[in-house]
Amino acid sequence: MKMPSVRQHWHKLTNTNHLCQCIDVILRSYGQLMLQTNSLSGLIFLVGVLLGGHSAG
């Protein structure tokens, strides 16, 4: 039995849940700052900016 990947599960979830779709759009927009339309890269970039801002004061 083949397990669905995280990407497939996230895609299915964003098609059925409006809150997850909104989160996906926001993370993709942060990902576009690095010229990648990807929610995971957007999440990594957002976490990096928040941690950098917190450590800078």
N, C-alpha and C. Protein backbone atom coordinates (compact mmCIF):
# COMPACT_ATOMS: atom_id res chain seq x y z
N MET A 1 0.83 -1.17 0.00
CA MET A 1 0.00 0.00 0.00
C MET A 1 0.89 1.25 0.00
N LYS A 2 0.65 2.11 -0.93
CA LYS A 2 1.46 3.32 -1.06
C LYS A 2 0.89 4.44 -0.19
N MET A 3 1.78 5.06 0.57
CA MET A 3 1.37 6.17 1.44
C MET A 3 1.37 7.46 0.64
N PRO A 4 0.36 8.31 0.81
CA PRO A 4 0.37 9.59 0.11
C PRO A 4 1.45 10.50 0.69
N SER A 5 2.06 11.27 -0.16
CA SER A 5 3.12 12.16 0.29
C SER A 5 2.52 13.36 1.03
N VAL A 6 3.37 14.05 1.72
CA VAL A 6 2.93 15.24 2.46
C VAL A 6 2.40 16.29 1.48
N ARG A 7 3.06 16.40 0.34
CA ARG A 7 2.63 17.37 -0.67
C ARG A 7 1.23 17.05 -1.18
N GLN A 8 0.95 15.77 -1.43
CA GLN A 8 -0.38 15.38 -1.90
C GLN A 8 -1.42 15.63 -0.81
N HIS A 9 -1.07 15.33 0.43
CA HIS A 9 -1.99 15.55 1.54
C HIS A 9 -2.28 17.05 1.71
N TRP A 10 -1.26 17.88 1.62
CA TRP A 10 -1.44 19.33 1.76
C TRP A 10 -2.30 19.87 0.62
N HIS A 11 -2.07 19.38 -0.60
CA HIS A 11 -2.86 19.82 -1.74
C HIS A 11 -4.34 19.46 -1.57
N LYS A 12 -4.61 18.26 -1.08
CA LYS A 12 -5.98 17.82 -0.83
C LYS A 12 -6.61 18.67 0.28
N LEU A 13 -5.83 18.96 1.30
CA LEU A 13 -6.34 19.75 2.42
C LEU A 13 -6.66 21.19 2.00
N THR A 14 -5.81 21.78 1.16
CA THR A 14 -6.07 23.15 0.72
C THR A 14 -7.25 23.23 -0.24
N ASN A 15 -7.57 22.15 -0.90
CA ASN A 15 -8.74 22.15 -1.78
C ASN A 15 -10.04 22.04 -1.01
N THR A 16 -10.00 21.54 0.21
CA THR A 16 -11.23 21.34 0.98
C THR A 16 -11.39 22.32 2.14
N ASN A 17 -10.32 22.95 2.59
CA ASN A 17 -10.38 23.81 3.77
C ASN A 17 -9.94 25.22 3.39
N HIS A 18 -10.81 26.20 3.61
CA HIS A 18 -10.52 27.57 3.22
C HIS A 18 -9.43 28.21 4.08
N LEU A 19 -9.35 27.85 5.35
CA LEU A 19 -8.30 28.39 6.21
C LEU A 19 -6.93 27.90 5.75
N CYS A 20 -6.83 26.61 5.44
CA CYS A 20 -5.56 26.08 4.94
C CYS A 20 -5.20 26.68 3.59
N GLN A 21 -6.20 26.96 2.78
CA GLN A 21 -5.95 27.60 1.49
C GLN A 21 -5.40 29.00 1.69
N CYS A 22 -5.93 29.73 2.66
CA CYS A 22 -5.45 31.08 2.96
C CYS A 22 -4.00 31.03 3.48
N ILE A 23 -3.71 30.07 4.36
CA ILE A 23 -2.35 29.91 4.87
C ILE A 23 -1.39 29.56 3.74
N ASP A 24 -1.85 28.70 2.82
CA ASP A 24 -1.02 28.32 1.67
C ASP A 24 -0.70 29.52 0.80
N VAL A 25 -1.68 30.37 0.56
CA VAL A 25 -1.46 31.57 -0.26
C VAL A 25 -0.47 32.51 0.41
N ILE A 26 -0.60 32.70 1.71
CA ILE A 26 0.31 33.58 2.44
C ILE A 26 1.73 33.04 2.41
N LEU A 27 1.89 31.73 2.65
CA LEU A 27 3.23 31.14 2.64
C LEU A 27 3.83 31.16 1.24
N ARG A 28 3.02 30.96 0.21
CA ARG A 28 3.53 31.03 -1.16
C ARG A 28 3.98 32.45 -1.50
N SER A 29 3.28 33.45 -0.96
CA SER A 29 3.69 34.84 -1.24
C SER A 29 5.04 35.15 -0.58
N TYR A 30 5.28 34.61 0.62
CA TYR A 30 6.61 34.76 1.23
C TYR A 30 7.66 34.00 0.44
N GLY A 31 7.30 32.86 -0.11
CA GLY A 31 8.22 32.08 -0.93
C GLY A 31 8.59 32.79 -2.21
N GLN A 32 7.70 33.62 -2.72
CA GLN A 32 7.99 34.36 -3.95
C GLN A 32 9.08 35.40 -3.74
N LEU A 33 9.33 35.80 -2.50
CA LEU A 33 10.43 36.71 -2.23
C LEU A 33 11.77 36.08 -2.57
N MET A 34 11.82 34.74 -2.52
CA MET A 34 13.03 34.01 -2.89
C MET A 34 12.90 33.44 -4.30
N LEU A 35 11.94 33.95 -5.08
CA LEU A 35 11.68 33.53 -6.45
C LEU A 35 11.27 32.06 -6.54
N GLN A 36 10.57 31.58 -5.53
CA GLN A 36 10.02 30.23 -5.53
C GLN A 36 8.58 30.29 -5.06
N THR A 37 7.69 29.73 -5.85
CA THR A 37 6.28 29.69 -5.44
C THR A 37 6.05 28.36 -4.73
N ASN A 38 6.51 28.31 -3.50
CA ASN A 38 6.43 27.08 -2.72
C ASN A 38 6.11 27.46 -1.28
N SER A 39 5.10 26.81 -0.71
CA SER A 39 4.72 27.16 0.66
C SER A 39 5.76 26.77 1.69
N LEU A 40 6.47 25.68 1.47
CA LEU A 40 7.50 25.26 2.42
C LEU A 40 8.66 26.25 2.45
N SER A 41 9.11 26.71 1.29
CA SER A 41 10.19 27.70 1.28
C SER A 41 9.71 29.02 1.87
N GLY A 42 8.43 29.35 1.68
CA GLY A 42 7.88 30.54 2.30
C GLY A 42 7.85 30.44 3.81
N LEU A 43 7.52 29.24 4.32
CA LEU A 43 7.51 29.04 5.76
C LEU A 43 8.92 29.17 6.33
N ILE A 44 9.89 28.58 5.66
CA ILE A 44 11.29 28.67 6.12
C ILE A 44 11.76 30.12 6.11
N PHE A 45 11.43 30.85 5.05
CA PHE A 45 11.83 32.25 4.95
C PHE A 45 11.16 33.09 6.04
N LEU A 46 9.87 32.85 6.29
CA LEU A 46 9.14 33.61 7.31
C LEU A 46 9.71 33.34 8.70
N VAL A 47 10.02 32.07 8.99
CA VAL A 47 10.61 31.74 10.30
C VAL A 47 11.98 32.40 10.44
N GLY A 48 12.76 32.41 9.37
CA GLY A 48 14.07 33.06 9.41
C GLY A 48 13.97 34.55 9.66
N VAL A 49 13.01 35.20 9.02
CA VAL A 49 12.83 36.65 9.22
C VAL A 49 12.38 36.93 10.65
N LEU A 50 11.44 36.12 11.16
CA LEU A 50 10.97 36.33 12.54
C LEU A 50 12.07 36.09 13.56
N LEU A 51 12.87 35.04 13.38
CA LEU A 51 13.97 34.78 14.31
C LEU A 51 15.06 35.85 14.21
N GLY A 52 15.33 36.30 13.00
CA GLY A 52 16.32 37.36 12.82
C GLY A 52 15.86 38.68 13.43
N GLY A 53 14.60 38.99 13.28
CA GLY A 53 14.06 40.20 13.87
C GLY A 53 14.04 40.15 15.39
N HIS A 54 13.74 38.97 15.91
CA HIS A 54 13.72 38.82 17.37
C HIS A 54 15.12 38.93 17.95
N SER A 55 16.10 38.34 17.28
CA SER A 55 17.47 38.40 17.83
C SER A 55 18.09 39.78 17.65
N ALA A 56 17.62 40.55 16.64
CA ALA A 56 18.15 41.89 16.43
C ALA A 56 17.55 42.90 17.41
N GLY A 57 16.44 42.54 17.97
CA GLY A 57 15.83 43.43 18.97
C GLY A 57 14.71 44.12 18.40
